[in-house]
Amino acid sequence: MTSHPAAKAPLLSFKGLKAALMARTLSAFSSQVQAVAVGWQIYALTHEASALGFVGLAQFLPMVTFIFPAGHAADQYNRRRIVIICQITEAMAALFMALASFQNVVTPVMIYGLVALFGMCRAFEMPAQQTFIPAIVPVSAFPRATALSSSLFQVACIAGPSIGGLLYGLGPTPCYALCAIGFGIAALSTLLMKLSFPSRPRQPVSLAAVFGGIIFLRQNPTMLGALSLDLFAVLLGGATAMLPLYATDILHAGPWGLGLLRAAPAIGALLVAAVLARRPMGHNSGLWMFFSVAVFGVATILFGFSKSIPLSVLALAILGGADVISVMVRSSLVQLGTPDEMRGRVSAVNMLFIGSSNQLGEFESGMLASAVGAVPAVVIGGIGTLAITAIWMALFPGLRKLDRLDDITPQELRKAT
């Protein structure tokens, strides 16, 4: 393949990319700060562990309910407008909670309402937002842009909980106020983007149109293999759900150790993403994905057996770094291997897979740990990830043979099937 000049051009020289990255990073950062504030506040109001579970459920159910209509909307209407409306709604909701907290009138029902509204907004925002970078950078620069975006996202995941926790020492009001500012600036950044989408034919609302993403994936086994491999890897390898138990009962580390363990996957992901932003993957991307998922499984097993804080942190950092490689291949397949008129709906399925694997993975790990113990549960999950990797290599030869990410097109994927 002949190297395209854009492949080596400075990423921020592409008009609109800086605004797109700022909007996504600020939105992610604000979400992390809000999650800290919501968790602390709901527990302070109820003193019930079940209330924390209901918070996750209140956000997850609206996302699952609206994700397919949201994907259809992203393919039928102005994507930038959808994202701006969602971000402004999020900013106004956070501002309302800041004022309510300042006046000490917040109730659990209000918090559940906030996270439910947030879940619905994210359902519409994320599939539309996922289509921005392919509309800004050429295909040859997309892997680097994805790596940079992932790096900034990991920074938000590290900084958000830390700053949120510090701010909550002053009460929930500053946290929600910061979220309102962050979502507001994200909306302004989205407004300032330079975007160019090809014209998309309007389709009437029907079951076939709304669930078109699933139909498309069934017809593209290479992409389906990548999404489902990541789904099962996260579902089985849900070691992060066990971190409070490991920090308390196995590593005897206390709160500071739990914070270190929680930060470790994001730090590993940040380091690998930073390297990939400068030196993107070349050939054999499919094999790299299978290798990264296998490393994810091995790191999960290593963490499961570890009784040392340094070794546990190292295992989690390797786990997070391996996950970034898998995410990059999957994101490139979804965004570059999907025609523009289908990107919203396919991105919606991708978002559903990610949300389901995270939520169900935590549930699976918790239930298995209660039955057989934490260490066997984590180790079994890692072994299951390795088994899935081997099975998927046999089931999806097109994914195994995937070469360069910057060569991915809908036409090439069809040939691979």
Protein backbone atom coordinates (compact mmCIF):
# COMPACT_ATOMS: atom_id res chain seq x y z
CA MET A 1 0.00 0.00 0.00
CA THR A 2 1.28 3.49 -0.88
CA SER A 3 1.48 5.78 2.12
CA HIS A 4 -0.98 8.65 1.91
CA PRO A 5 0.39 12.11 2.91
CA ALA A 6 -2.43 12.46 5.46
CA ALA A 7 -1.16 9.37 7.27
CA LYS A 8 1.79 11.39 8.63
CA ALA A 9 0.15 14.81 8.85
CA PRO A 10 -0.19 16.32 12.36
CA LEU A 11 -3.55 15.17 13.69
CA LEU A 12 -4.64 18.55 15.00
CA SER A 13 -4.11 20.05 11.55
CA PHE A 14 -7.42 18.48 10.47
CA LYS A 15 -10.13 21.10 10.87
CA GLY A 16 -12.71 20.16 13.44
CA LEU A 17 -10.72 17.39 15.15
CA LYS A 18 -9.60 19.58 18.05
CA ALA A 19 -13.20 20.58 18.75
CA ALA A 20 -14.41 16.98 18.41
CA LEU A 21 -11.78 15.70 20.85
CA MET A 22 -12.51 18.50 23.32
CA ALA A 23 -16.25 17.80 23.21
CA ARG A 24 -15.81 14.05 23.75
CA THR A 25 -13.19 14.44 26.49
CA LEU A 26 -15.15 17.08 28.42
CA SER A 27 -18.32 15.03 28.15
CA ALA A 28 -16.52 11.93 29.46
CA PHE A 29 -14.84 13.92 32.25
CA SER A 30 -18.15 15.48 33.33
CA SER A 31 -19.81 12.06 33.31
CA GLN A 32 -17.11 10.68 35.62
CA VAL A 33 -17.42 13.60 38.05
CA GLN A 34 -21.20 13.23 38.03
CA ALA A 35 -20.95 9.50 38.74
CA VAL A 36 -18.87 10.23 41.85
CA ALA A 37 -21.32 12.88 43.06
CA VAL A 38 -24.35 10.67 42.43
CA GLY A 39 -22.81 7.68 44.19
CA TRP A 40 -21.80 9.59 47.30
CA GLN A 41 -25.03 11.58 47.48
CA ILE A 42 -27.44 8.67 47.05
CA TYR A 43 -25.62 6.66 49.70
CA ALA A 44 -25.56 9.65 52.08
CA LEU A 45 -29.31 10.02 51.63
CA THR A 46 -30.27 6.34 51.92
CA HIS A 47 -27.37 4.50 53.62
CA GLU A 48 -28.40 1.47 51.56
CA ALA A 49 -26.06 -0.46 49.26
CA SER A 50 -29.03 -1.43 47.08
CA ALA A 51 -29.51 2.26 46.21
CA LEU A 52 -26.16 2.20 44.41
CA GLY A 53 -27.39 -0.72 42.31
CA PHE A 54 -30.59 1.10 41.46
CA VAL A 55 -28.53 4.06 40.21
CA GLY A 56 -26.84 1.80 37.65
CA LEU A 57 -30.17 0.25 36.70
CA ALA A 58 -31.83 3.67 36.34
CA GLN A 59 -29.17 4.68 33.81
CA PHE A 60 -28.89 1.34 32.01
CA LEU A 61 -32.57 0.71 31.30
CA PRO A 62 -33.22 3.97 29.37
CA MET A 63 -30.05 3.39 27.36
CA VAL A 64 -31.15 -0.12 26.36
CA THR A 65 -34.67 1.11 25.61
CA PHE A 66 -33.66 4.00 23.35
CA ILE A 67 -30.38 2.83 21.79
CA PHE A 68 -31.91 1.37 18.59
CA PRO A 69 -34.23 4.34 17.87
CA ALA A 70 -31.25 6.58 18.65
CA GLY A 71 -29.10 4.80 16.08
CA HIS A 72 -31.86 5.19 13.49
CA ALA A 73 -32.18 8.89 14.36
CA ALA A 74 -28.41 9.36 13.91
CA ASP A 75 -28.71 7.99 10.36
CA GLN A 76 -31.79 10.04 9.48
CA TYR A 77 -31.29 13.47 11.06
CA ASN A 78 -28.60 16.06 11.71
CA ARG A 79 -26.04 14.28 13.89
CA ARG A 80 -24.42 17.43 15.22
CA ARG A 81 -27.81 18.78 16.28
CA ILE A 82 -28.65 15.55 18.11
CA VAL A 83 -25.39 15.68 20.09
CA ILE A 84 -25.79 19.38 20.94
CA ILE A 85 -29.35 18.86 22.20
CA CYS A 86 -28.18 15.97 24.40
CA GLN A 87 -25.21 17.88 25.81
CA ILE A 88 -27.30 20.96 26.57
CA THR A 89 -29.89 18.75 28.29
CA GLU A 90 -27.13 17.15 30.36
CA ALA A 91 -25.78 20.58 31.29
CA MET A 92 -29.22 21.83 32.35
CA ALA A 93 -29.89 18.69 34.39
CA ALA A 94 -26.54 19.04 36.18
CA LEU A 95 -27.24 22.72 36.85
CA PHE A 96 -30.65 21.81 38.30
CA MET A 97 -29.00 19.26 40.62
CA ALA A 98 -26.40 21.84 41.67
CA LEU A 99 -29.14 24.29 42.65
CA ALA A 100 -31.21 21.58 44.37
CA SER A 101 -28.15 20.39 46.31
CA PHE A 102 -27.31 23.96 47.33
CA GLN A 103 -30.83 24.32 48.71
CA ASN A 104 -30.70 20.84 50.36
CA VAL A 105 -33.88 19.64 48.64
CA VAL A 106 -32.41 16.65 46.75
CA THR A 107 -34.28 13.35 47.15
CA PRO A 108 -33.36 9.84 45.93
CA VAL A 109 -36.14 10.07 43.34
CA MET A 110 -34.54 13.21 41.91
CA ILE A 111 -31.20 11.42 41.62
CA TYR A 112 -32.77 8.42 39.89
CA GLY A 113 -34.54 10.84 37.54
CA LEU A 114 -31.24 12.56 36.76
CA VAL A 115 -29.40 9.35 35.87
CA ALA A 116 -32.38 8.06 33.85
CA LEU A 117 -32.42 11.29 31.84
CA PHE A 118 -28.66 11.02 31.46
CA GLY A 119 -28.97 7.43 30.24
CA MET A 120 -31.49 8.47 27.60
CA CYS A 121 -29.29 11.38 26.48
CA ARG A 122 -26.24 9.12 26.21
CA ALA A 123 -28.26 6.66 24.13
CA PHE A 124 -28.87 9.36 21.53
CA GLU A 125 -25.56 11.20 21.91
CA MET A 126 -23.08 8.35 21.57
CA PRO A 127 -24.10 6.78 18.23
CA ALA A 128 -24.20 10.22 16.60
CA GLN A 129 -20.92 11.32 18.20
CA GLN A 130 -19.14 8.15 17.06
CA THR A 131 -19.60 9.25 13.43
CA PHE A 132 -17.72 12.55 13.85
CA ILE A 133 -14.06 11.48 13.56
CA PRO A 134 -14.57 9.53 10.28
CA ALA A 135 -16.17 12.72 8.89
CA ILE A 136 -13.18 14.85 9.95
CA VAL A 137 -10.03 12.84 9.21
CA PRO A 138 -9.16 10.75 6.15
CA VAL A 139 -9.07 6.97 6.41
CA SER A 140 -5.26 6.91 6.49
CA ALA A 141 -5.21 9.02 9.68
CA PHE A 142 -8.17 7.37 11.40
CA PRO A 143 -6.23 4.81 13.50
CA ARG A 144 -4.02 7.58 14.94
CA ALA A 145 -7.04 9.79 15.60
CA THR A 146 -8.79 6.92 17.37
CA ALA A 147 -5.73 6.29 19.53
CA LEU A 148 -5.51 9.99 20.46
CA SER A 149 -9.22 10.05 21.27
CA SER A 150 -8.80 6.94 23.43
CA SER A 151 -5.83 8.55 25.23
CA LEU A 152 -7.84 11.63 26.11
CA PHE A 153 -10.78 9.47 27.18
CA GLN A 154 -8.51 7.57 29.58
CA VAL A 155 -7.20 10.86 30.98
CA ALA A 156 -10.83 11.84 31.64
CA CYS A 157 -11.45 8.48 33.33
CA ILE A 158 -8.45 9.03 35.62
CA ALA A 159 -8.96 12.74 36.34
CA GLY A 160 -12.77 12.70 36.63
CA PRO A 161 -13.12 10.45 39.71
CA SER A 162 -10.09 12.07 41.39
CA ILE A 163 -11.31 15.63 40.96
CA GLY A 164 -14.89 14.59 41.69
CA GLY A 165 -13.82 12.98 44.95
CA LEU A 166 -11.85 16.06 46.00
CA LEU A 167 -14.67 18.41 45.10
CA TYR A 168 -17.22 16.33 46.96
CA GLY A 169 -15.33 17.22 50.11
CA LEU A 170 -16.97 20.64 49.62
CA GLY A 171 -20.35 19.02 48.96
CA PRO A 172 -22.25 17.85 45.85
CA THR A 173 -23.00 21.38 44.61
CA PRO A 174 -19.48 22.10 43.23
CA CYS A 175 -19.43 18.69 41.52
CA TYR A 176 -22.71 19.26 39.69
CA ALA A 177 -21.72 22.84 38.85
CA LEU A 178 -18.47 21.61 37.28
CA CYS A 179 -20.47 19.01 35.30
CA ALA A 180 -22.82 21.71 34.00
CA ILE A 181 -19.85 23.77 32.84
CA GLY A 182 -18.18 20.74 31.23
CA PHE A 183 -21.30 19.65 29.33
CA GLY A 184 -21.94 23.26 28.28
CA ILE A 185 -18.43 23.69 26.84
CA ALA A 186 -18.78 20.29 25.12
CA ALA A 187 -21.97 21.53 23.43
CA LEU A 188 -20.18 24.70 22.29
CA SER A 189 -17.26 22.66 20.93
CA THR A 190 -19.68 20.42 19.02
CA LEU A 191 -21.32 23.51 17.55
CA LEU A 192 -17.92 24.78 16.32
CA MET A 193 -16.93 21.55 14.56
CA LYS A 194 -16.32 21.43 10.83
CA LEU A 195 -18.24 18.37 9.65
CA SER A 196 -19.05 17.07 6.21
CA PHE A 197 -21.33 14.07 5.76
CA PRO A 198 -22.42 12.59 2.43
CA SER A 199 -26.11 12.95 1.72
CA ARG A 200 -28.08 10.13 3.32
CA PRO A 201 -31.37 8.81 1.96
CA ARG A 202 -34.31 9.12 4.34
CA GLN A 203 -35.92 5.85 5.37
CA PRO A 204 -39.40 5.48 6.85
CA VAL A 205 -39.53 4.27 10.44
CA SER A 206 -39.89 0.50 10.43
CA LEU A 207 -38.55 -2.44 12.40
CA ALA A 208 -36.15 -3.26 9.56
CA ALA A 209 -34.84 0.31 9.52
CA VAL A 210 -34.56 0.71 13.30
CA PHE A 211 -32.83 -2.66 13.75
CA GLY A 212 -30.80 -2.25 10.57
CA GLY A 213 -27.55 -2.33 12.57
CA ILE A 214 -28.18 -5.91 13.67
CA ILE A 215 -29.11 -6.95 10.13
CA PHE A 216 -25.92 -5.31 8.81
CA LEU A 217 -23.74 -7.11 11.36
CA ARG A 218 -25.27 -10.48 10.51
CA GLN A 219 -24.23 -9.85 6.91
CA ASN A 220 -20.68 -8.85 7.96
CA PRO A 221 -19.23 -11.67 10.06
CA THR A 222 -15.79 -10.04 10.38
CA MET A 223 -17.28 -7.03 12.16
CA LEU A 224 -19.67 -9.22 14.15
CA GLY A 225 -16.72 -11.33 15.25
CA ALA A 226 -14.81 -8.29 16.52
CA LEU A 227 -17.77 -6.91 18.47
CA SER A 228 -18.80 -10.23 19.97
CA LEU A 229 -15.20 -11.16 20.88
CA ASP A 230 -14.87 -7.93 22.86
CA LEU A 231 -18.33 -8.48 24.38
CA PHE A 232 -17.49 -11.94 25.74
CA ALA A 233 -13.98 -10.95 26.83
CA VAL A 234 -15.32 -8.15 29.03
CA LEU A 235 -18.29 -10.26 30.12
CA LEU A 236 -16.07 -13.11 31.33
CA GLY A 237 -13.04 -11.12 32.44
CA GLY A 238 -14.86 -8.75 34.80
CA ALA A 239 -12.03 -8.56 37.33
CA THR A 240 -12.65 -4.87 38.00
CA ALA A 241 -15.98 -5.70 39.65
CA MET A 242 -14.02 -7.52 42.38
CA LEU A 243 -11.65 -4.64 43.17
CA PRO A 244 -13.31 -3.55 46.46
CA LEU A 245 -13.24 -7.15 47.71
CA TYR A 246 -9.61 -7.69 46.61
CA ALA A 247 -8.46 -4.40 48.15
CA THR A 248 -10.15 -5.20 51.47
CA ASP A 249 -9.95 -8.97 52.00
CA ILE A 250 -7.06 -10.21 49.83
CA LEU A 251 -4.56 -7.36 49.44
CA HIS A 252 -5.49 -5.67 52.76
CA ALA A 253 -4.80 -2.30 51.13
CA GLY A 254 -7.62 -0.08 52.33
CA PRO A 255 -9.14 2.87 50.43
CA TRP A 256 -5.83 4.11 49.02
CA GLY A 257 -5.15 0.68 47.55
CA LEU A 258 -8.61 0.55 45.99
CA GLY A 259 -7.98 3.92 44.34
CA LEU A 260 -4.67 2.66 42.95
CA LEU A 261 -6.26 -0.53 41.64
CA ARG A 262 -9.08 1.41 39.98
CA ALA A 263 -6.61 3.76 38.29
CA ALA A 264 -4.29 1.00 37.03
CA PRO A 265 -6.33 -0.15 33.96
CA ALA A 266 -6.79 3.45 32.81
CA ILE A 267 -3.07 4.17 33.24
CA GLY A 268 -2.15 1.11 31.20
CA ALA A 269 -4.70 2.04 28.55
CA LEU A 270 -3.38 5.60 28.43
CA LEU A 271 0.21 4.46 27.90
CA VAL A 272 -0.66 2.03 25.10
CA ALA A 273 -3.01 4.52 23.43
CA ALA A 274 -0.30 7.20 23.52
CA VAL A 275 2.12 4.82 21.78
CA LEU A 276 -0.48 3.88 19.14
CA ALA A 277 -1.25 7.55 18.50
CA ARG A 278 2.38 7.98 17.39
CA ARG A 279 2.99 4.53 15.91
CA PRO A 280 -0.29 2.95 14.74
CA MET A 281 -0.57 -0.75 14.03
CA GLY A 282 0.67 -1.85 10.62
CA HIS A 283 -0.12 -5.28 9.26
CA ASN A 284 -1.99 -8.24 10.85
CA SER A 285 -4.49 -6.11 12.81
CA GLY A 286 -6.84 -9.07 13.24
CA LEU A 287 -4.11 -11.21 14.80
CA TRP A 288 -3.15 -8.28 17.02
CA MET A 289 -6.74 -8.13 18.25
CA PHE A 290 -6.79 -11.84 19.11
CA PHE A 291 -3.40 -11.50 20.79
CA SER A 292 -4.58 -8.52 22.85
CA VAL A 293 -7.70 -10.36 24.05
CA ALA A 294 -5.54 -13.37 25.00
CA VAL A 295 -3.23 -11.04 26.96
CA PHE A 296 -6.36 -9.59 28.60
CA GLY A 297 -7.28 -13.11 29.73
CA VAL A 298 -3.77 -13.91 31.00
CA ALA A 299 -3.62 -10.59 32.90
CA THR A 300 -7.00 -11.40 34.47
CA ILE A 301 -5.67 -14.77 35.68
CA LEU A 302 -2.51 -13.12 37.00
CA PHE A 303 -4.58 -10.57 38.92
CA GLY A 304 -6.82 -13.33 40.26
CA PHE A 305 -3.91 -15.20 41.85
CA SER A 306 -1.98 -12.12 42.98
CA LYS A 307 -1.61 -11.33 46.66
CA SER A 308 0.78 -8.43 46.08
CA ILE A 309 -0.33 -4.85 45.43
CA PRO A 310 2.49 -4.08 42.91
CA LEU A 311 1.77 -7.29 40.96
CA SER A 312 -1.98 -6.61 41.02
CA VAL A 313 -1.47 -3.06 39.75
CA LEU A 314 0.84 -4.36 36.99
CA ALA A 315 -1.69 -7.02 35.96
CA LEU A 316 -4.51 -4.46 35.79
CA ALA A 317 -2.34 -2.02 33.82
CA ILE A 318 -1.53 -4.78 31.28
CA LEU A 319 -5.23 -5.64 31.16
CA GLY A 320 -6.13 -2.01 30.38
CA GLY A 321 -3.40 -1.68 27.75
CA ALA A 322 -4.47 -4.88 25.99
CA ASP A 323 -8.07 -3.67 25.94
CA VAL A 324 -7.06 -0.52 24.03
CA ILE A 325 -5.70 -2.58 21.12
CA SER A 326 -8.96 -4.51 20.93
CA VAL A 327 -10.98 -1.30 21.12
CA MET A 328 -8.95 0.29 18.31
CA VAL A 329 -9.50 -2.61 15.92
CA ARG A 330 -13.20 -2.79 16.77
CA SER A 331 -13.69 0.97 16.39
CA SER A 332 -11.90 1.01 13.04
CA LEU A 333 -14.05 -1.85 11.76
CA VAL A 334 -17.28 -0.18 12.91
CA GLN A 335 -16.49 3.30 11.62
CA LEU A 336 -14.53 2.53 8.44
CA GLY A 337 -16.23 -0.72 7.44
CA THR A 338 -19.74 0.70 7.69
CA PRO A 339 -21.32 2.92 5.01
CA ASP A 340 -22.04 6.41 6.34
CA GLU A 341 -25.80 5.93 6.06
CA MET A 342 -25.52 2.96 8.49
CA ARG A 343 -22.91 4.25 10.95
CA GLY A 344 -25.40 5.50 13.53
CA ARG A 345 -27.24 2.19 13.77
CA VAL A 346 -24.09 0.03 13.80
CA SER A 347 -22.54 2.34 16.42
CA ALA A 348 -25.71 1.92 18.48
CA VAL A 349 -25.27 -1.88 18.46
CA ASN A 350 -21.62 -1.37 19.41
CA MET A 351 -22.63 0.88 22.32
CA LEU A 352 -25.20 -1.70 23.44
CA PHE A 353 -22.56 -4.44 23.38
CA ILE A 354 -20.18 -2.30 25.44
CA GLY A 355 -22.84 -1.32 27.97
CA SER A 356 -24.19 -4.86 28.27
CA SER A 357 -20.77 -6.43 28.69
CA ASN A 358 -19.76 -3.98 31.43
CA GLN A 359 -23.01 -4.25 33.38
CA LEU A 360 -23.56 -7.98 32.88
CA GLY A 361 -19.86 -8.68 33.44
CA GLU A 362 -20.05 -7.10 36.88
CA PHE A 363 -23.22 -9.10 37.62
CA GLU A 364 -21.65 -12.36 36.39
CA SER A 365 -18.48 -11.81 38.42
CA GLY A 366 -20.44 -10.96 41.55
CA MET A 367 -22.72 -13.98 41.29
CA LEU A 368 -19.87 -16.37 40.51
CA ALA A 369 -17.75 -14.96 43.35
CA SER A 370 -20.61 -15.45 45.80
CA ALA A 371 -20.85 -19.10 44.70
CA VAL A 372 -17.20 -20.18 44.44
CA GLY A 373 -15.18 -17.30 45.94
CA ALA A 374 -13.52 -14.22 44.47
CA VAL A 375 -10.20 -15.77 43.38
CA PRO A 376 -11.75 -18.77 41.53
CA ALA A 377 -14.32 -16.44 39.93
CA VAL A 378 -11.66 -14.10 38.50
CA VAL A 379 -9.41 -16.97 37.37
CA ILE A 380 -12.32 -18.82 35.73
CA GLY A 381 -13.21 -15.59 33.91
CA GLY A 382 -9.66 -15.26 32.57
CA ILE A 383 -9.61 -18.89 31.43
CA GLY A 384 -12.99 -18.36 29.76
CA THR A 385 -11.58 -15.36 27.89
CA LEU A 386 -8.72 -17.49 26.54
CA ALA A 387 -11.18 -20.18 25.47
CA ILE A 388 -13.39 -17.64 23.68
CA THR A 389 -10.32 -16.26 21.88
CA ALA A 390 -9.42 -19.68 20.54
CA ILE A 391 -13.00 -20.46 19.48
CA TRP A 392 -13.46 -17.07 17.78
CA MET A 393 -10.21 -17.53 15.80
CA ALA A 394 -11.78 -20.64 14.29
CA LEU A 395 -15.27 -19.17 13.81
CA PHE A 396 -14.24 -15.86 12.20
CA PRO A 397 -11.38 -16.43 9.73
CA GLY A 398 -12.06 -13.03 8.11
CA LEU A 399 -11.21 -11.30 11.38
CA ARG A 400 -8.11 -13.45 11.80
CA LYS A 401 -6.91 -12.42 8.32
CA LEU A 402 -7.66 -8.70 8.76
CA ASP A 403 -4.55 -6.75 7.71
CA ARG A 404 -4.16 -2.95 7.84
CA LEU A 405 -6.75 -0.78 9.61
CA ASP A 406 -6.33 2.04 7.10
CA ASP A 407 -7.30 -0.36 4.30
CA ILE A 408 -10.73 -1.10 5.81
CA THR A 409 -13.67 -0.23 3.57
CA PRO A 410 -17.20 -1.67 3.33
CA GLN A 411 -16.22 -3.19 -0.02
CA GLU A 412 -13.10 -4.90 1.37
CA LEU A 413 -15.06 -6.37 4.29
CA ARG A 414 -17.63 -7.81 1.91
CA LYS A 415 -14.80 -9.51 -0.03
CA ALA A 416 -13.45 -10.93 3.22
CA THR A 417 -16.76 -12.63 3.95
